[in-house]
Amino acid sequence: MKTRITEMFNIQYPLVCPGMTYVANADLVAATANSGGLGILAIGHLTPEQTLSEIRKIRSLTHKPFGIGCALIMPGARENLEVALNEKVPVINFSLGSPADVCKRVHDYGGKSL
């Protein structure tokens, strides 16, 4: 199946599992990716150490594209975002704030920002 979504994110189906707090963990994100969709890890409630651990767990479970969801208004959001940028997460989904200052960094390593 080819759509603008599948081509943009290099996924098989135009299916996106959003970063739902306490639900969208590494297991769900990897399962979504392995099923042909795009899973988004919720990081707003995590510490930077937990964010790193979840990203690395996703990578141990799949080699397919995935993303993180970053609500910029949350405490610790910038620290978690730095972890995701350092790990070169393929898709960074922003909400509740302006990501203008980091979009270039995402695009520099070939990532997508929403």
PDB file of N, CA and C in Angstrom:
ATOM      1  N   MET A   1       0.851  -1.174   0.000  1.00  0.00           N
ATOM      2  CA  MET A   1       0.000   0.000   0.000  1.00  0.00           C
ATOM      3  C   MET A   1       0.893   1.233   0.000  1.00  0.00           C
ATOM      4  N   LYS A   2       0.613   2.164  -0.903  1.00  0.00           N
ATOM      5  CA  LYS A   2       1.396   3.400  -0.955  1.00  0.00           C
ATOM      6  C   LYS A   2       0.468   4.591  -0.765  1.00  0.00           C
ATOM      7  N   THR A   3       0.805   5.392   0.222  1.00  0.00           N
ATOM      8  CA  THR A   3       0.099   6.648   0.469  1.00  0.00           C
ATOM      9  C   THR A   3       1.154   7.684   0.823  1.00  0.00           C
ATOM     10  N   ARG A   4       0.750   8.917   0.972  1.00  0.00           N
ATOM     11  CA  ARG A   4       1.706   9.947   1.384  1.00  0.00           C
ATOM     12  C   ARG A   4       2.293   9.612   2.756  1.00  0.00           C
ATOM     13  N   ILE A   5       1.473   9.055   3.637  1.00  0.00           N
ATOM     14  CA  ILE A   5       1.928   8.683   4.988  1.00  0.00           C
ATOM     15  C   ILE A   5       2.955   7.549   4.914  1.00  0.00           C
ATOM     16  N   THR A   6       2.654   6.500   4.152  1.00  0.00           N
ATOM     17  CA  THR A   6       3.596   5.370   4.082  1.00  0.00           C
ATOM     18  C   THR A   6       4.919   5.801   3.463  1.00  0.00           C
ATOM     19  N   GLU A   7       4.853   6.645   2.457  1.00  0.00           N
ATOM     20  CA  GLU A   7       6.079   7.104   1.813  1.00  0.00           C
ATOM     21  C   GLU A   7       6.867   8.058   2.709  1.00  0.00           C
ATOM     22  N   MET A   8       6.164   8.935   3.426  1.00  0.00           N
ATOM     23  CA  MET A   8       6.839   9.898   4.293  1.00  0.00           C
ATOM     24  C   MET A   8       7.602   9.216   5.419  1.00  0.00           C
ATOM     25  N   PHE A   9       6.989   8.179   6.020  1.00  0.00           N
ATOM     26  CA  PHE A   9       7.582   7.532   7.184  1.00  0.00           C
ATOM     27  C   PHE A   9       8.233   6.187   6.877  1.00  0.00           C
ATOM     28  N   ASN A  10       8.219   5.788   5.599  1.00  0.00           N
ATOM     29  CA  ASN A  10       8.805   4.516   5.195  1.00  0.00           C
ATOM     30  C   ASN A  10       8.190   3.342   5.968  1.00  0.00           C
ATOM     31  N   ILE A  11       6.856   3.328   5.978  1.00  0.00           N
ATOM     32  CA  ILE A  11       6.111   2.259   6.649  1.00  0.00           C
ATOM     33  C   ILE A  11       5.237   1.539   5.628  1.00  0.00           C
ATOM     34  N   GLN A  12       4.724   0.377   5.999  1.00  0.00           N
ATOM     35  CA  GLN A  12       3.944  -0.442   5.075  1.00  0.00           C
ATOM     36  C   GLN A  12       2.488  -0.005   4.982  1.00  0.00           C
ATOM     37  N   TYR A  13       1.901   0.381   6.115  1.00  0.00           N
ATOM     38  CA  TYR A  13       0.492   0.770   6.167  1.00  0.00           C
ATOM     39  C   TYR A  13       0.362   2.174   6.757  1.00  0.00           C
ATOM     40  N   PRO A  14      -0.658   2.922   6.349  1.00  0.00           N
ATOM     41  CA  PRO A  14      -0.857   4.275   6.894  1.00  0.00           C
ATOM     42  C   PRO A  14      -1.512   4.218   8.273  1.00  0.00           C
ATOM     43  N   LEU A  15      -0.808   3.605   9.199  1.00  0.00           N
ATOM     44  CA  LEU A  15      -1.299   3.401  10.560  1.00  0.00           C
ATOM     45  C   LEU A  15      -0.313   4.018  11.535  1.00  0.00           C
ATOM     46  N   VAL A  16      -0.795   4.922  12.383  1.00  0.00           N
ATOM     47  CA  VAL A  16       0.052   5.566  13.380  1.00  0.00           C
ATOM     48  C   VAL A  16      -0.549   5.322  14.748  1.00  0.00           C
ATOM     49  N   CYS A  17       0.236   4.743  15.631  1.00  0.00           N
ATOM     50  CA  CYS A  17      -0.170   4.535  17.020  1.00  0.00           C
ATOM     51  C   CYS A  17       0.421   5.691  17.822  1.00  0.00           C
ATOM     52  N   PRO A  18      -0.431   6.620  18.299  1.00  0.00           N
ATOM     53  CA  PRO A  18       0.084   7.827  18.953  1.00  0.00           C
ATOM     54  C   PRO A  18       0.740   7.550  20.295  1.00  0.00           C
ATOM     55  N   GLY A  19       1.504   8.523  20.757  1.00  0.00           N
ATOM     56  CA  GLY A  19       2.212   8.428  22.026  1.00  0.00           C
ATOM     57  C   GLY A  19       1.283   8.657  23.204  1.00  0.00           C
ATOM     58  N   MET A  20       0.549   7.648  23.591  1.00  0.00           N
ATOM     59  CA  MET A  20      -0.402   7.736  24.703  1.00  0.00           C
ATOM     60  C   MET A  20       0.330   7.478  26.026  1.00  0.00           C
ATOM     61  N   THR A  21       0.300   8.452  26.909  1.00  0.00           N
ATOM     62  CA  THR A  21       0.994   8.341  28.193  1.00  0.00           C
ATOM     63  C   THR A  21       0.553   7.091  28.936  1.00  0.00           C
ATOM     64  N   TYR A  22       1.525   6.368  29.487  1.00  0.00           N
ATOM     65  CA  TYR A  22       1.357   5.129  30.240  1.00  0.00           C
ATOM     66  C   TYR A  22       0.886   3.954  29.383  1.00  0.00           C
ATOM     67  N   VAL A  23       0.654   4.153  28.101  1.00  0.00           N
ATOM     68  CA  VAL A  23       0.191   3.071  27.226  1.00  0.00           C
ATOM     69  C   VAL A  23       1.218   2.787  26.132  1.00  0.00           C
ATOM     70  N   ALA A  24       1.687   3.835  25.472  1.00  0.00           N
ATOM     71  CA  ALA A  24       2.594   3.668  24.334  1.00  0.00           C
ATOM     72  C   ALA A  24       4.027   3.500  24.829  1.00  0.00           C
ATOM     73  N   ASN A  25       4.325   2.276  25.258  1.00  0.00           N
ATOM     74  CA  ASN A  25       5.673   1.962  25.730  1.00  0.00           C
ATOM     75  C   ASN A  25       6.449   1.255  24.620  1.00  0.00           C
ATOM     76  N   ALA A  26       7.657   0.839  24.919  1.00  0.00           N
ATOM     77  CA  ALA A  26       8.527   0.217  23.916  1.00  0.00           C
ATOM     78  C   ALA A  26       7.885  -1.002  23.268  1.00  0.00           C
ATOM     79  N   ASP A  27       7.198  -1.815  24.049  1.00  0.00           N
ATOM     80  CA  ASP A  27       6.584  -3.024  23.495  1.00  0.00           C
ATOM     81  C   ASP A  27       5.511  -2.690  22.460  1.00  0.00           C
ATOM     82  N   LEU A  28       4.640  -1.732  22.771  1.00  0.00           N
ATOM     83  CA  LEU A  28       3.577  -1.346  21.838  1.00  0.00           C
ATOM     84  C   LEU A  28       4.160  -0.669  20.599  1.00  0.00           C
ATOM     85  N   VAL A  29       5.133   0.200  20.798  1.00  0.00           N
ATOM     86  CA  VAL A  29       5.747   0.900  19.675  1.00  0.00           C
ATOM     87  C   VAL A  29       6.403  -0.103  18.725  1.00  0.00           C
ATOM     88  N   ALA A  30       7.165  -1.047  19.260  1.00  0.00           N
ATOM     89  CA  ALA A  30       7.833  -2.044  18.421  1.00  0.00           C
ATOM     90  C   ALA A  30       6.824  -2.965  17.735  1.00  0.00           C
ATOM     91  N   ALA A  31       5.777  -3.349  18.444  1.00  0.00           N
ATOM     92  CA  ALA A  31       4.746  -4.203  17.839  1.00  0.00           C
ATOM     93  C   ALA A  31       4.064  -3.481  16.677  1.00  0.00           C
ATOM     94  N   THR A  32       3.802  -2.190  16.852  1.00  0.00           N
ATOM     95  CA  THR A  32       3.190  -1.406  15.782  1.00  0.00           C
ATOM     96  C   THR A  32       4.136  -1.332  14.584  1.00  0.00           C
ATOM     97  N   ALA A  33       5.404  -1.050  14.853  1.00  0.00           N
ATOM     98  CA  ALA A  33       6.393  -0.968  13.773  1.00  0.00           C
ATOM     99  C   ALA A  33       6.532  -2.308  13.054  1.00  0.00           C
ATOM    100  N   ASN A  34       6.613  -3.386  13.808  1.00  0.00           N
ATOM    101  CA  ASN A  34       6.762  -4.708  13.202  1.00  0.00           C
ATOM    102  C   ASN A  34       5.525  -5.132  12.416  1.00  0.00           C
ATOM    103  N   SER A  35       4.389  -4.503  12.696  1.00  0.00           N
ATOM    104  CA  SER A  35       3.147  -4.790  11.970  1.00  0.00           C
ATOM    105  C   SER A  35       2.972  -3.882  10.752  1.00  0.00           C
ATOM    106  N   GLY A  36       3.929  -2.993  10.520  1.00  0.00           N
ATOM    107  CA  GLY A  36       3.888  -2.163   9.336  1.00  0.00           C
ATOM    108  C   GLY A  36       3.442  -0.735   9.551  1.00  0.00           C
ATOM    109  N   GLY A  37       3.168  -0.353  10.797  1.00  0.00           N
ATOM    110  CA  GLY A  37       2.744   1.012  11.088  1.00  0.00           C
ATOM    111  C   GLY A  37       3.859   1.812  11.744  1.00  0.00           C
ATOM    112  N   LEU A  38       3.487   2.992  12.227  1.00  0.00           N
ATOM    113  CA  LEU A  38       4.439   3.853  12.929  1.00  0.00           C
ATOM    114  C   LEU A  38       3.997   3.965  14.382  1.00  0.00           C
ATOM    115  N   GLY A  39       4.792   3.448  15.279  1.00  0.00           N
ATOM    116  CA  GLY A  39       4.525   3.568  16.706  1.00  0.00           C
ATOM    117  C   GLY A  39       5.242   4.783  17.263  1.00  0.00           C
ATOM    118  N   ILE A  40       4.560   5.494  18.163  1.00  0.00           N
ATOM    119  CA  ILE A  40       5.125   6.688  18.798  1.00  0.00           C
ATOM    120  C   ILE A  40       5.229   6.434  20.301  1.00  0.00           C
ATOM    121  N   LEU A  41       6.434   6.527  20.834  1.00  0.00           N
ATOM    122  CA  LEU A  41       6.689   6.341  22.261  1.00  0.00           C
ATOM    123  C   LEU A  41       6.305   7.591  23.034  1.00  0.00           C
ATOM    124  N   ALA A  42       5.497   7.441  24.064  1.00  0.00           N
ATOM    125  CA  ALA A  42       5.154   8.562  24.949  1.00  0.00           C
ATOM    126  C   ALA A  42       6.300   8.759  25.937  1.00  0.00           C
ATOM    127  N   ILE A  43       6.874   9.974  25.979  1.00  0.00           N
ATOM    128  CA  ILE A  43       8.009  10.211  26.865  1.00  0.00           C
ATOM    129  C   ILE A  43       7.736  11.271  27.930  1.00  0.00           C
ATOM    130  N   GLY A  44       6.564  11.885  27.903  1.00  0.00           N
ATOM    131  CA  GLY A  44       6.271  12.989  28.817  1.00  0.00           C
ATOM    132  C   GLY A  44       6.364  12.629  30.289  1.00  0.00           C
ATOM    133  N   HIS A  45       6.086  11.406  30.629  1.00  0.00           N
ATOM    134  CA  HIS A  45       6.082  10.966  32.021  1.00  0.00           C
ATOM    135  C   HIS A  45       7.380  10.265  32.426  1.00  0.00           C
ATOM    136  N   LEU A  46       8.319  10.179  31.488  1.00  0.00           N
ATOM    137  CA  LEU A  46       9.560   9.446  31.744  1.00  0.00           C
ATOM    138  C   LEU A  46      10.699  10.375  32.151  1.00  0.00           C
ATOM    139  N   THR A  47      11.667   9.823  32.857  1.00  0.00           N
ATOM    140  CA  THR A  47      12.922  10.520  33.115  1.00  0.00           C
ATOM    141  C   THR A  47      13.803  10.336  31.875  1.00  0.00           C
ATOM    142  N   PRO A  48      14.844  11.140  31.720  1.00  0.00           N
ATOM    143  CA  PRO A  48      15.747  10.928  30.587  1.00  0.00           C
ATOM    144  C   PRO A  48      16.351   9.516  30.556  1.00  0.00           C
ATOM    145  N   GLU A  49      16.646   8.959  31.701  1.00  0.00           N
ATOM    146  CA  GLU A  49      17.195   7.606  31.761  1.00  0.00           C
ATOM    147  C   GLU A  49      16.177   6.585  31.268  1.00  0.00           C
ATOM    148  N   GLN A  50      14.914   6.776  31.653  1.00  0.00           N
ATOM    149  CA  GLN A  50      13.861   5.868  31.199  1.00  0.00           C
ATOM    150  C   GLN A  50      13.620   6.025  29.696  1.00  0.00           C
ATOM    151  N   THR A  51      13.683   7.268  29.221  1.00  0.00           N
ATOM    152  CA  THR A  51      13.517   7.520  27.792  1.00  0.00           C
ATOM    153  C   THR A  51      14.594   6.786  27.001  1.00  0.00           C
ATOM    154  N   LEU A  52      15.824   6.906  27.428  1.00  0.00           N
ATOM    155  CA  LEU A  52      16.930   6.213  26.756  1.00  0.00           C
ATOM    156  C   LEU A  52      16.710   4.708  26.774  1.00  0.00           C
ATOM    157  N   SER A  53      16.319   4.173  27.902  1.00  0.00           N
ATOM    158  CA  SER A  53      16.087   2.742  28.030  1.00  0.00           C
ATOM    159  C   SER A  53      14.967   2.270  27.092  1.00  0.00           C
ATOM    160  N   GLU A  54      13.884   3.028  27.018  1.00  0.00           N
ATOM    161  CA  GLU A  54      12.764   2.654  26.147  1.00  0.00           C
ATOM    162  C   GLU A  54      13.163   2.724  24.669  1.00  0.00           C
ATOM    163  N   ILE A  55      13.885   3.761  24.283  1.00  0.00           N
ATOM    164  CA  ILE A  55      14.334   3.880  22.890  1.00  0.00           C
ATOM    165  C   ILE A  55      15.237   2.704  22.529  1.00  0.00           C
ATOM    166  N   ARG A  56      16.139   2.372  23.402  1.00  0.00           N
ATOM    167  CA  ARG A  56      17.050   1.252  23.124  1.00  0.00           C
ATOM    168  C   ARG A  56      16.314  -0.081  23.119  1.00  0.00           C
ATOM    169  N   LYS A  57      15.282  -0.211  23.946  1.00  0.00           N
ATOM    170  CA  LYS A  57      14.471  -1.436  23.935  1.00  0.00           C
ATOM    171  C   LYS A  57      13.724  -1.542  22.607  1.00  0.00           C
ATOM    172  N   ILE A  58      13.167  -0.432  22.131  1.00  0.00           N
ATOM    173  CA  ILE A  58      12.482  -0.453  20.829  1.00  0.00           C
ATOM    174  C   ILE A  58      13.452  -0.943  19.768  1.00  0.00           C
ATOM    175  N   ARG A  59      14.645  -0.414  19.778  1.00  0.00           N
ATOM    176  CA  ARG A  59      15.643  -0.794  18.765  1.00  0.00           C
ATOM    177  C   ARG A  59      16.069  -2.255  18.891  1.00  0.00           C
ATOM    178  N   SER A  60      15.951  -2.810  20.080  1.00  0.00           N
ATOM    179  CA  SER A  60      16.269  -4.238  20.234  1.00  0.00           C
ATOM    180  C   SER A  60      15.127  -5.123  19.720  1.00  0.00           C
ATOM    181  N   LEU A  61      13.931  -4.541  19.599  1.00  0.00           N
ATOM    182  CA  LEU A  61      12.754  -5.301  19.183  1.00  0.00           C
ATOM    183  C   LEU A  61      12.388  -5.107  17.709  1.00  0.00           C
ATOM    184  N   THR A  62      12.890  -4.035  17.097  1.00  0.00           N
ATOM    185  CA  THR A  62      12.578  -3.775  15.688  1.00  0.00           C
ATOM    186  C   THR A  62      13.675  -2.935  15.046  1.00  0.00           C
ATOM    187  N   HIS A  63      13.777  -3.075  13.754  1.00  0.00           N
ATOM    188  CA  HIS A  63      14.685  -2.238  12.972  1.00  0.00           C
ATOM    189  C   HIS A  63      13.892  -1.288  12.081  1.00  0.00           C
ATOM    190  N   LYS A  64      12.585  -1.233  12.321  1.00  0.00           N
ATOM    191  CA  LYS A  64      11.700  -0.398  11.510  1.00  0.00           C
ATOM    192  C   LYS A  64      11.554   0.987  12.130  1.00  0.00           C
ATOM    193  N   PRO A  65      11.080   1.963  11.333  1.00  0.00           N
ATOM    194  CA  PRO A  65      10.927   3.328  11.839  1.00  0.00           C
ATOM    195  C   PRO A  65       9.938   3.416  13.006  1.00  0.00           C
ATOM    196  N   PHE A  66      10.221   4.345  13.914  1.00  0.00           N
ATOM    197  CA  PHE A  66       9.352   4.622  15.057  1.00  0.00           C
ATOM    198  C   PHE A  66       9.565   6.079  15.443  1.00  0.00           C
ATOM    199  N   GLY A  67       8.798   6.541  16.382  1.00  0.00           N
ATOM    200  CA  GLY A  67       8.951   7.918  16.818  1.00  0.00           C
ATOM    201  C   GLY A  67       8.765   8.082  18.310  1.00  0.00           C
ATOM    202  N   ILE A  68       8.951   9.318  18.745  1.00  0.00           N
ATOM    203  CA  ILE A  68       8.650   9.684  20.132  1.00  0.00           C
ATOM    204  C   ILE A  68       7.683  10.860  20.092  1.00  0.00           C
ATOM    205  N   GLY A  69       6.871  10.950  21.124  1.00  0.00           N
ATOM    206  CA  GLY A  69       5.952  12.066  21.279  1.00  0.00           C
ATOM    207  C   GLY A  69       6.436  12.940  22.421  1.00  0.00           C
ATOM    208  N   CYS A  70       6.671  14.204  22.146  1.00  0.00           N
ATOM    209  CA  CYS A  70       7.228  15.119  23.140  1.00  0.00           C
ATOM    210  C   CYS A  70       6.294  16.315  23.344  1.00  0.00           C
ATOM    211  N   ALA A  71       5.616  16.352  24.484  1.00  0.00           N
ATOM    212  CA  ALA A  71       4.807  17.508  24.861  1.00  0.00           C
ATOM    213  C   ALA A  71       5.752  18.514  25.514  1.00  0.00           C
ATOM    214  N   LEU A  72       6.069  19.565  24.792  1.00  0.00           N
ATOM    215  CA  LEU A  72       7.115  20.494  25.224  1.00  0.00           C
ATOM    216  C   LEU A  72       6.787  21.239  26.512  1.00  0.00           C
ATOM    217  N   ILE A  73       5.550  21.248  26.919  1.00  0.00           N
ATOM    218  CA  ILE A  73       5.141  21.943  28.134  1.00  0.00           C
ATOM    219  C   ILE A  73       5.446  21.120  29.400  1.00  0.00           C
ATOM    220  N   MET A  74       5.702  19.844  29.236  1.00  0.00           N
ATOM    221  CA  MET A  74       5.912  18.949  30.376  1.00  0.00           C
ATOM    222  C   MET A  74       7.270  19.206  31.046  1.00  0.00           C
ATOM    223  N   PRO A  75       7.312  19.051  32.381  1.00  0.00           N
ATOM    224  CA  PRO A  75       8.613  19.152  33.060  1.00  0.00           C
ATOM    225  C   PRO A  75       9.557  18.069  32.517  1.00  0.00           C
ATOM    226  N   GLY A  76      10.766  18.442  32.250  1.00  0.00           N
ATOM    227  CA  GLY A  76      11.745  17.473  31.752  1.00  0.00           C
ATOM    228  C   GLY A  76      11.658  17.198  30.259  1.00  0.00           C
ATOM    229  N   ALA A  77      10.752  17.889  29.553  1.00  0.00           N
ATOM    230  CA  ALA A  77      10.574  17.621  28.125  1.00  0.00           C
ATOM    231  C   ALA A  77      11.850  17.879  27.332  1.00  0.00           C
ATOM    232  N   ARG A  78      12.526  18.965  27.617  1.00  0.00           N
ATOM    233  CA  ARG A  78      13.743  19.301  26.854  1.00  0.00           C
ATOM    234  C   ARG A  78      14.846  18.275  27.084  1.00  0.00           C
ATOM    235  N   GLU A  79      14.956  17.782  28.301  1.00  0.00           N
ATOM    236  CA  GLU A  79      15.969  16.760  28.596  1.00  0.00           C
ATOM    237  C   GLU A  79      15.649  15.465  27.849  1.00  0.00           C
ATOM    238  N   ASN A  80      14.366  15.072  27.852  1.00  0.00           N
ATOM    239  CA  ASN A  80      13.960  13.872  27.123  1.00  0.00           C
ATOM    240  C   ASN A  80      14.151  14.052  25.619  1.00  0.00           C
ATOM    241  N   LEU A  81      13.865  15.241  25.147  1.00  0.00           N
ATOM    242  CA  LEU A  81      14.054  15.539  23.734  1.00  0.00           C
ATOM    243  C   LEU A  81      15.528  15.408  23.350  1.00  0.00           C
ATOM    244  N   GLU A  82      16.422  15.869  24.194  1.00  0.00           N
ATOM    245  CA  GLU A  82      17.857  15.735  23.933  1.00  0.00           C
ATOM    246  C   GLU A  82      18.254  14.269  23.801  1.00  0.00           C
ATOM    247  N   VAL A  83      17.689  13.428  24.650  1.00  0.00           N
ATOM    248  CA  VAL A  83      17.964  11.994  24.560  1.00  0.00           C
ATOM    249  C   VAL A  83      17.535  11.477  23.193  1.00  0.00           C
ATOM    250  N   ALA A  84      16.319  11.817  22.781  1.00  0.00           N
ATOM    251  CA  ALA A  84      15.801  11.356  21.487  1.00  0.00           C
ATOM    252  C   ALA A  84      16.652  11.873  20.331  1.00  0.00           C
ATOM    253  N   LEU A  85      17.080  13.119  20.416  1.00  0.00           N
ATOM    254  CA  LEU A  85      17.933  13.686  19.361  1.00  0.00           C
ATOM    255  C   LEU A  85      19.286  12.989  19.320  1.00  0.00           C
ATOM    256  N   ASN A  86      19.864  12.752  20.477  1.00  0.00           N
ATOM    257  CA  ASN A  86      21.163  12.061  20.534  1.00  0.00           C
ATOM    258  C   ASN A  86      21.059  10.641  19.989  1.00  0.00           C
ATOM    259  N   GLU A  87      19.901  10.020  20.187  1.00  0.00           N
ATOM    260  CA  GLU A  87      19.673   8.659  19.696  1.00  0.00           C
ATOM    261  C   GLU A  87      19.195   8.643  18.240  1.00  0.00           C
ATOM    262  N   LYS A  88      19.006   9.829  17.671  1.00  0.00           N
ATOM    263  CA  LYS A  88      18.567   9.971  16.281  1.00  0.00           C
ATOM    264  C   LYS A  88      17.294   9.186  15.991  1.00  0.00           C
ATOM    265  N   VAL A  89      16.302   9.411  16.841  1.00  0.00           N
ATOM    266  CA  VAL A  89      14.993   8.784  16.651  1.00  0.00           C
ATOM    267  C   VAL A  89      14.434   9.262  15.303  1.00  0.00           C
ATOM    268  N   PRO A  90      13.925   8.346  14.474  1.00  0.00           N
ATOM    269  CA  PRO A  90      13.495   8.706  13.121  1.00  0.00           C
ATOM    270  C   PRO A  90      12.375   9.745  13.030  1.00  0.00           C
ATOM    271  N   VAL A  91      11.437   9.726  13.981  1.00  0.00           N
ATOM    272  CA  VAL A  91      10.307  10.657  13.935  1.00  0.00           C
ATOM    273  C   VAL A  91      10.137  11.300  15.304  1.00  0.00           C
ATOM    274  N   ILE A  92      10.101  12.619  15.337  1.00  0.00           N
ATOM    275  CA  ILE A  92       9.871  13.362  16.569  1.00  0.00           C
ATOM    276  C   ILE A  92       8.548  14.106  16.409  1.00  0.00           C
ATOM    277  N   ASN A  93       7.574  13.769  17.254  1.00  0.00           N
ATOM    278  CA  ASN A  93       6.265  14.404  17.232  1.00  0.00           C
ATOM    279  C   ASN A  93       6.188  15.390  18.398  1.00  0.00           C
ATOM    280  N   PHE A  94       5.951  16.658  18.087  1.00  0.00           N
ATOM    281  CA  PHE A  94       5.890  17.703  19.104  1.00  0.00           C
ATOM    282  C   PHE A  94       4.452  18.122  19.366  1.00  0.00           C
ATOM    283  N   SER A  95       4.197  18.547  20.588  1.00  0.00           N
ATOM    284  CA  SER A  95       2.916  19.178  20.916  1.00  0.00           C
ATOM    285  C   SER A  95       3.135  20.154  22.063  1.00  0.00           C
ATOM    286  N   LEU A  96       2.184  21.038  22.248  1.00  0.00           N
ATOM    287  CA  LEU A  96       2.152  21.977  23.375  1.00  0.00           C
ATOM    288  C   LEU A  96       3.422  22.813  23.505  1.00  0.00           C
ATOM    289  N   GLY A  97       3.855  23.391  22.404  1.00  0.00           N
ATOM    290  CA  GLY A  97       5.019  24.260  22.406  1.00  0.00           C
ATOM    291  C   GLY A  97       5.611  24.345  21.014  1.00  0.00           C
ATOM    292  N   SER A  98       6.567  25.235  20.841  1.00  0.00           N
ATOM    293  CA  SER A  98       7.190  25.419  19.533  1.00  0.00           C
ATOM    294  C   SER A  98       8.500  24.639  19.435  1.00  0.00           C
ATOM    295  N   PRO A  99       8.586  23.761  18.454  1.00  0.00           N
ATOM    296  CA  PRO A  99       9.808  22.978  18.260  1.00  0.00           C
ATOM    297  C   PRO A  99      10.791  23.628  17.286  1.00  0.00           C
ATOM    298  N   ALA A 100      10.546  24.865  16.903  1.00  0.00           N
ATOM    299  CA  ALA A 100      11.345  25.502  15.845  1.00  0.00           C
ATOM    300  C   ALA A 100      12.843  25.403  16.101  1.00  0.00           C
ATOM    301  N   ASP A 101      13.245  25.501  17.338  1.00  0.00           N
ATOM    302  CA  ASP A 101      14.672  25.484  17.643  1.00  0.00           C
ATOM    303  C   ASP A 101      15.333  24.114  17.472  1.00  0.00           C
ATOM    304  N   VAL A 102      14.559  23.052  17.380  1.00  0.00           N
ATOM    305  CA  VAL A 102      15.163  21.718  17.254  1.00  0.00           C
ATOM    306  C   VAL A 102      14.837  21.017  15.937  1.00  0.00           C
ATOM    307  N   CYS A 103      13.903  21.541  15.170  1.00  0.00           N
ATOM    308  CA  CYS A 103      13.535  20.884  13.909  1.00  0.00           C
ATOM    309  C   CYS A 103      14.739  20.716  12.988  1.00  0.00           C
ATOM    310  N   LYS A 104      15.590  21.716  12.913  1.00  0.00           N
ATOM    311  CA  LYS A 104      16.775  21.622  12.059  1.00  0.00           C
ATOM    312  C   LYS A 104      17.662  20.464  12.501  1.00  0.00           C
ATOM    313  N   ARG A 105      17.808  20.282  13.795  1.00  0.00           N
ATOM    314  CA  ARG A 105      18.646  19.178  14.297  1.00  0.00           C
ATOM    315  C   ARG A 105      18.058  17.830  13.883  1.00  0.00           C
ATOM    316  N   VAL A 106      16.749  17.714  13.938  1.00  0.00           N
ATOM    317  CA  VAL A 106      16.085  16.470  13.529  1.00  0.00           C
ATOM    318  C   VAL A 106      16.329  16.233  12.040  1.00  0.00           C
ATOM    319  N   HIS A 107      16.114  17.256  11.259  1.00  0.00           N
ATOM    320  CA  HIS A 107      16.278  17.119   9.806  1.00  0.00           C
ATOM    321  C   HIS A 107      17.736  16.877   9.417  1.00  0.00           C
ATOM    322  N   ASP A 108      18.684  17.416  10.182  1.00  0.00           N
ATOM    323  CA  ASP A 108      20.106  17.227   9.893  1.00  0.00           C
ATOM    324  C   ASP A 108      20.506  15.764   9.912  1.00  0.00           C
ATOM    325  N   TYR A 109      19.908  14.959  10.768  1.00  0.00           N
ATOM    326  CA  TYR A 109      20.259  13.526  10.771  1.00  0.00           C
ATOM    327  C   TYR A 109      19.287  12.692   9.945  1.00  0.00           C
ATOM    328  N   GLY A 110      18.392  13.354   9.213  1.00  0.00           N
ATOM    329  CA  GLY A 110      17.483  12.628   8.316  1.00  0.00           C
ATOM    330  C   GLY A 110      16.166  12.264   8.952  1.00  0.00           C
ATOM    331  N   GLY A 111      15.904  12.777  10.158  1.00  0.00           N
ATOM    332  CA  GLY A 111      14.654  12.494  10.841  1.00  0.00           C
ATOM    333  C   GLY A 111      13.515  13.370  10.340  1.00  0.00           C
ATOM    334  N   LYS A 112      12.328  12.998  10.754  1.00  0.00           N
ATOM    335  CA  LYS A 112      11.121  13.759  10.428  1.00  0.00           C
ATOM    336  C   LYS A 112      10.601  14.398  11.715  1.00  0.00           C
ATOM    337  N   SER A 113      10.080  15.616  11.589  1.00  0.00           N
ATOM    338  CA  SER A 113       9.471  16.259  12.747  1.00  0.00           C
ATOM    339  C   SER A 113       8.050  16.663  12.396  1.00  0.00           C
ATOM    340  N   LEU A 114       7.174  16.456  13.365  1.00  0.00           N
ATOM    341  CA  LEU A 114       5.753  16.774  13.178  1.00  0.00           C
ATOM    342  C   LEU A 114       5.298  17.712  14.243  1.00  0.00           C
TER     343      LEU A 114
END
